[in-house]
PDB file of N, CA and C in Angstrom:
ATOM      1  N   MET A   1       0.771  -1.219   0.307  1.00  0.00           N
ATOM      2  CA  MET A   1      -0.213   0.318  -0.124  1.00  0.00           C
ATOM      3  C   MET A   1       0.956   1.465  -0.020  1.00  0.00           C
ATOM      4  N   LYS A   2       0.611   2.035  -0.627  1.00  0.00           N
ATOM      5  CA  LYS A   2       1.449   3.293  -1.078  1.00  0.00           C
ATOM      6  C   LYS A   2       0.516   4.272  -0.592  1.00  0.00           C
ATOM      7  N   ILE A   3      -0.119   4.296   0.250  1.00  0.00           N
ATOM      8  CA  ILE A   3      -1.118   5.350   1.059  1.00  0.00           C
ATOM      9  C   ILE A   3      -0.392   5.750   2.678  1.00  0.00           C
ATOM     10  N   GLY A   4       0.415   4.943   2.759  1.00  0.00           N
ATOM     11  CA  GLY A   4       0.970   5.577   4.296  1.00  0.00           C
ATOM     12  C   GLY A   4       0.353   4.633   5.598  1.00  0.00           C
ATOM     13  N   PHE A   5       0.202   3.495   5.126  1.00  0.00           N
ATOM     14  CA  PHE A   5      -0.276   2.468   6.127  1.00  0.00           C
ATOM     15  C   PHE A   5       0.298   0.910   5.895  1.00  0.00           C
ATOM     16  N   ASN A   6       0.654   0.754   7.196  1.00  0.00           N
ATOM     17  CA  ASN A   6       1.312  -0.934   6.835  1.00  0.00           C
ATOM     18  C   ASN A   6      -0.086  -1.686   7.369  1.00  0.00           C
ATOM     19  N   VAL A   7       0.157  -2.793   6.191  1.00  0.00           N
ATOM     20  CA  VAL A   7      -1.135  -3.747   6.477  1.00  0.00           C
ATOM     21  C   VAL A   7      -0.257  -4.878   7.889  1.00  0.00           C
ATOM     22  N   LEU A   8      -0.979  -4.952   8.978  1.00  0.00           N
ATOM     23  CA  LEU A   8      -0.784  -5.758   9.994  1.00  0.00           C
ATOM     24  C   LEU A   8      -1.482  -7.053   9.724  1.00  0.00           C
ATOM     25  N   GLY A   9      -2.997  -7.121   9.412  1.00  0.00           N
ATOM     26  CA  GLY A   9      -3.256  -8.271   9.249  1.00  0.00           C
ATOM     27  C   GLY A   9      -4.986  -7.877   9.274  1.00  0.00           C
ATOM     28  N   ILE A  10      -5.497  -8.932   8.288  1.00  0.00           N
ATOM     29  CA  ILE A  10      -7.179  -8.402   7.753  1.00  0.00           C
ATOM     30  C   ILE A  10      -7.336 -10.225   8.786  1.00  0.00           C
ATOM     31  N   ASP A  11      -8.976 -10.174   8.987  1.00  0.00           N
ATOM     32  CA  ASP A  11      -9.922 -10.987   9.277  1.00  0.00           C
ATOM     33  C   ASP A  11     -11.443 -11.271   9.473  1.00  0.00           C
ATOM     34  N   TYR A  12     -12.117 -11.709   8.962  1.00  0.00           N
ATOM     35  CA  TYR A  12     -13.533 -11.638   9.073  1.00  0.00           C
ATOM     36  C   TYR A  12     -13.996 -11.467  10.456  1.00  0.00           C
ATOM     37  N   SER A  13     -15.631 -10.432  10.737  1.00  0.00           N
ATOM     38  CA  SER A  13     -15.954 -10.653  11.579  1.00  0.00           C
ATOM     39  C   SER A  13     -16.887 -11.857  11.952  1.00  0.00           C
ATOM     40  N   PRO A  14     -16.741 -12.280  13.387  1.00  0.00           N
ATOM     41  CA  PRO A  14     -17.568 -13.417  13.424  1.00  0.00           C
ATOM     42  C   PRO A  14     -19.248 -12.945  13.922  1.00  0.00           C
ATOM     43  N   ILE A  15     -19.739 -11.919  13.420  1.00  0.00           N
ATOM     44  CA  ILE A  15     -20.722 -11.389  13.654  1.00  0.00           C
ATOM     45  C   ILE A  15     -21.229 -11.347  11.820  1.00  0.00           C
ATOM     46  N   LYS A  16     -22.247 -11.591  11.527  1.00  0.00           N
ATOM     47  CA  LYS A  16     -22.408 -11.236  10.239  1.00  0.00           C
ATOM     48  C   LYS A  16     -23.285  -9.899   9.904  1.00  0.00           C
ATOM     49  N   GLY A  17     -23.298  -9.286   9.042  1.00  0.00           N
ATOM     50  CA  GLY A  17     -24.309  -7.815   9.009  1.00  0.00           C
ATOM     51  C   GLY A  17     -25.594  -8.149   8.768  1.00  0.00           C
ATOM     52  N   GLY A  18     -26.007  -6.965   8.802  1.00  0.00           N
ATOM     53  CA  GLY A  18     -27.527  -6.595   9.054  1.00  0.00           C
ATOM     54  C   GLY A  18     -28.685  -7.827   7.732  1.00  0.00           C
ATOM     55  N   LYS A  19     -27.503  -7.910   7.112  1.00  0.00           N
ATOM     56  CA  LYS A  19     -28.427  -8.204   5.474  1.00  0.00           C
ATOM     57  C   LYS A  19     -27.539  -9.812   5.294  1.00  0.00           C
ATOM     58  N   GLY A  20     -26.891 -10.362   6.566  1.00  0.00           N
ATOM     59  CA  GLY A  20     -26.563 -11.460   6.696  1.00  0.00           C
ATOM     60  C   GLY A  20     -25.229 -11.481   5.791  1.00  0.00           C
ATOM     61  N   ASN A  21     -24.722 -10.545   5.645  1.00  0.00           N
ATOM     62  CA  ASN A  21     -23.290 -10.146   4.627  1.00  0.00           C
ATOM     63  C   ASN A  21     -21.877 -10.566   5.359  1.00  0.00           C
ATOM     64  N   ILE A  22     -21.311 -11.294   4.767  1.00  0.00           N
ATOM     65  CA  ILE A  22     -19.784 -11.111   5.667  1.00  0.00           C
ATOM     66  C   ILE A  22     -18.905  -9.857   5.550  1.00  0.00           C
ATOM     67  N   GLU A  23     -18.730  -9.639   6.979  1.00  0.00           N
ATOM     68  CA  GLU A  23     -18.034  -8.390   6.535  1.00  0.00           C
ATOM     69  C   GLU A  23     -16.141  -8.516   7.226  1.00  0.00           C
ATOM     70  N   PHE A  24     -15.314  -7.831   6.664  1.00  0.00           N
ATOM     71  CA  PHE A  24     -14.113  -7.644   7.024  1.00  0.00           C
ATOM     72  C   PHE A  24     -13.554  -6.897   7.570  1.00  0.00           C
ATOM     73  N   LEU A  25     -12.547  -7.369   8.575  1.00  0.00           N
ATOM     74  CA  LEU A  25     -11.950  -5.883   9.370  1.00  0.00           C
ATOM     75  C   LEU A  25     -10.457  -6.029   9.261  1.00  0.00           C
ATOM     76  N   ILE A  26      -9.609  -4.963   8.965  1.00  0.00           N
ATOM     77  CA  ILE A  26      -8.228  -4.922   8.419  1.00  0.00           C
ATOM     78  C   ILE A  26      -7.774  -4.125   9.658  1.00  0.00           C
ATOM     79  N   HIS A  27      -6.656  -4.743  10.236  1.00  0.00           N
ATOM     80  CA  HIS A  27      -5.791  -3.769  10.967  1.00  0.00           C
ATOM     81  C   HIS A  27      -4.617  -3.173  10.588  1.00  0.00           C
ATOM     82  N   LEU A  28      -4.734  -1.660  10.093  1.00  0.00           N
ATOM     83  CA  LEU A  28      -3.431  -0.253   9.432  1.00  0.00           C
ATOM     84  C   LEU A  28      -2.767   0.089  10.905  1.00  0.00           C
ATOM     85  N   GLN A  29      -1.386   0.518  10.640  1.00  0.00           N
ATOM     86  CA  GLN A  29      -0.502   0.815  11.344  1.00  0.00           C
ATOM     87  C   GLN A  29      -0.274   2.191  10.502  1.00  0.00           C
ATOM     88  N   LYS A  30      -0.067   3.048  10.969  1.00  0.00           N
ATOM     89  CA  LYS A  30       0.461   4.617  10.144  1.00  0.00           C
ATOM     90  C   LYS A  30       1.833   4.215  10.160  1.00  0.00           C
ATOM     91  N   ASP A  31       1.943   4.650   9.051  1.00  0.00           N
ATOM     92  CA  ASP A  31       3.802   4.675   8.242  1.00  0.00           C
ATOM     93  C   ASP A  31       3.987   6.104   8.048  1.00  0.00           C
ATOM     94  N   GLU A  32       4.904   6.480   8.931  1.00  0.00           N
ATOM     95  CA  GLU A  32       5.120   8.145   8.864  1.00  0.00           C
ATOM     96  C   GLU A  32       5.985   8.688   7.845  1.00  0.00           C
ATOM     97  N   ASP A  33       6.845   7.681   7.522  1.00  0.00           N
ATOM     98  CA  ASP A  33       7.019   7.977   5.686  1.00  0.00           C
ATOM     99  C   ASP A  33       6.739   7.222   4.425  1.00  0.00           C
ATOM    100  N   LYS A  34       5.123   7.155   4.825  1.00  0.00           N
ATOM    101  CA  LYS A  34       4.451   7.520   3.712  1.00  0.00           C
ATOM    102  C   LYS A  34       4.982   6.142   3.110  1.00  0.00           C
ATOM    103  N   GLY A  35       5.397   5.324   3.114  1.00  0.00           N
ATOM    104  CA  GLY A  35       5.874   4.329   2.186  1.00  0.00           C
ATOM    105  C   GLY A  35       4.461   3.129   1.838  1.00  0.00           C
ATOM    106  N   GLY A  36       3.936   2.412   3.340  1.00  0.00           N
ATOM    107  CA  GLY A  36       3.392   1.234   3.398  1.00  0.00           C
ATOM    108  C   GLY A  36       4.067   0.001   3.419  1.00  0.00           C
ATOM    109  N   GLN A  37       3.747  -0.863   3.781  1.00  0.00           N
ATOM    110  CA  GLN A  37       3.684  -2.089   3.837  1.00  0.00           C
ATOM    111  C   GLN A  37       2.875  -3.032   4.430  1.00  0.00           C
ATOM    112  N   ASN A  38       3.324  -4.305   3.412  1.00  0.00           N
ATOM    113  CA  ASN A  38       2.393  -5.343   3.635  1.00  0.00           C
ATOM    114  C   ASN A  38       2.964  -5.809   4.697  1.00  0.00           C
ATOM    115  N   LEU A  39       3.144  -6.013   6.026  1.00  0.00           N
ATOM    116  CA  LEU A  39       3.628  -6.643   7.028  1.00  0.00           C
ATOM    117  C   LEU A  39       2.920  -8.438   7.799  1.00  0.00           C
ATOM    118  N   TRP A  40       1.778  -8.474   6.834  1.00  0.00           N
ATOM    119  CA  TRP A  40       0.724  -9.743   7.114  1.00  0.00           C
ATOM    120  C   TRP A  40       1.090 -10.660   6.107  1.00  0.00           C
ATOM    121  N   SER A  41       1.287 -11.862   6.565  1.00  0.00           N
ATOM    122  CA  SER A  41       1.828 -13.072   5.442  1.00  0.00           C
ATOM    123  C   SER A  41       0.783 -14.142   4.745  1.00  0.00           C
ATOM    124  N   GLY A  42      -0.796 -13.294   5.686  1.00  0.00           N
ATOM    125  CA  GLY A  42      -1.708 -13.928   4.719  1.00  0.00           C
ATOM    126  C   GLY A  42      -1.703 -13.662   3.269  1.00  0.00           C
ATOM    127  N   THR A  43      -3.324 -14.110   2.696  1.00  0.00           N
ATOM    128  CA  THR A  43      -3.706 -13.306   1.536  1.00  0.00           C
ATOM    129  C   THR A  43      -5.034 -13.087   1.486  1.00  0.00           C
ATOM    130  N   VAL A  44      -5.876 -12.873   0.846  1.00  0.00           N
ATOM    131  CA  VAL A  44      -7.294 -11.916   1.224  1.00  0.00           C
ATOM    132  C   VAL A  44      -8.087 -13.177   1.087  1.00  0.00           C
ATOM    133  N   SER A  45      -7.619 -14.158  -0.397  1.00  0.00           N
ATOM    134  CA  SER A  45      -8.219 -15.280  -0.500  1.00  0.00           C
ATOM    135  C   SER A  45      -8.652 -16.250   0.636  1.00  0.00           C
ATOM    136  N   GLU A  46      -7.069 -16.102   1.399  1.00  0.00           N
ATOM    137  CA  GLU A  46      -7.658 -17.046   2.585  1.00  0.00           C
ATOM    138  C   GLU A  46      -8.479 -17.143   3.459  1.00  0.00           C
ATOM    139  N   VAL A  47      -8.344 -15.403   3.846  1.00  0.00           N
ATOM    140  CA  VAL A  47      -9.273 -15.310   4.924  1.00  0.00           C
ATOM    141  C   VAL A  47     -10.825 -15.113   4.621  1.00  0.00           C
ATOM    142  N   VAL A  48     -11.359 -15.098   3.018  1.00  0.00           N
ATOM    143  CA  VAL A  48     -12.749 -14.731   2.302  1.00  0.00           C
ATOM    144  C   VAL A  48     -13.089 -16.519   2.787  1.00  0.00           C
ATOM    145  N   GLU A  49     -12.040 -17.640   2.290  1.00  0.00           N
ATOM    146  CA  GLU A  49     -12.424 -19.142   2.697  1.00  0.00           C
ATOM    147  C   GLU A  49     -12.331 -19.329   4.081  1.00  0.00           C
ATOM    148  N   ARG A  50     -12.015 -18.942   4.752  1.00  0.00           N
ATOM    149  CA  ARG A  50     -12.040 -19.237   6.239  1.00  0.00           C
ATOM    150  C   ARG A  50     -13.573 -18.432   6.572  1.00  0.00           C
ATOM    151  N   ALA A  51     -13.854 -17.062   5.870  1.00  0.00           N
ATOM    152  CA  ALA A  51     -14.876 -16.626   6.744  1.00  0.00           C
ATOM    153  C   ALA A  51     -16.364 -17.633   6.102  1.00  0.00           C
ATOM    154  N   VAL A  52     -16.368 -17.915   4.959  1.00  0.00           N
ATOM    155  CA  VAL A  52     -17.264 -18.928   4.012  1.00  0.00           C
ATOM    156  C   VAL A  52     -17.442 -20.130   4.991  1.00  0.00           C
ATOM    157  N   GLU A  53     -16.018 -20.538   5.084  1.00  0.00           N
ATOM    158  CA  GLU A  53     -16.156 -21.845   6.019  1.00  0.00           C
ATOM    159  C   GLU A  53     -16.962 -21.530   7.431  1.00  0.00           C
ATOM    160  N   GLY A  54     -16.316 -20.630   8.020  1.00  0.00           N
ATOM    161  CA  GLY A  54     -16.689 -20.195   9.519  1.00  0.00           C
ATOM    162  C   GLY A  54     -18.551 -19.978   9.870  1.00  0.00           C
ATOM    163  N   LEU A  55     -18.818 -19.300   8.523  1.00  0.00           N
ATOM    164  CA  LEU A  55     -20.083 -19.247   9.300  1.00  0.00           C
ATOM    165  C   LEU A  55     -21.346 -19.267   8.753  1.00  0.00           C
TER     166      LEU A  55
END
């Protein structure tokens, strides 16, 4: 990410949205150097798969 945030993690919410939709959470850290890095070792596809299986 080149918008000044480091990605520390992504996960899904254990509670579905009002219409039954799956919601996702992202843990960001402000990067003072504005470079931004992906410090998270997973992939979005893995999180989506876990969400579909878990909910």
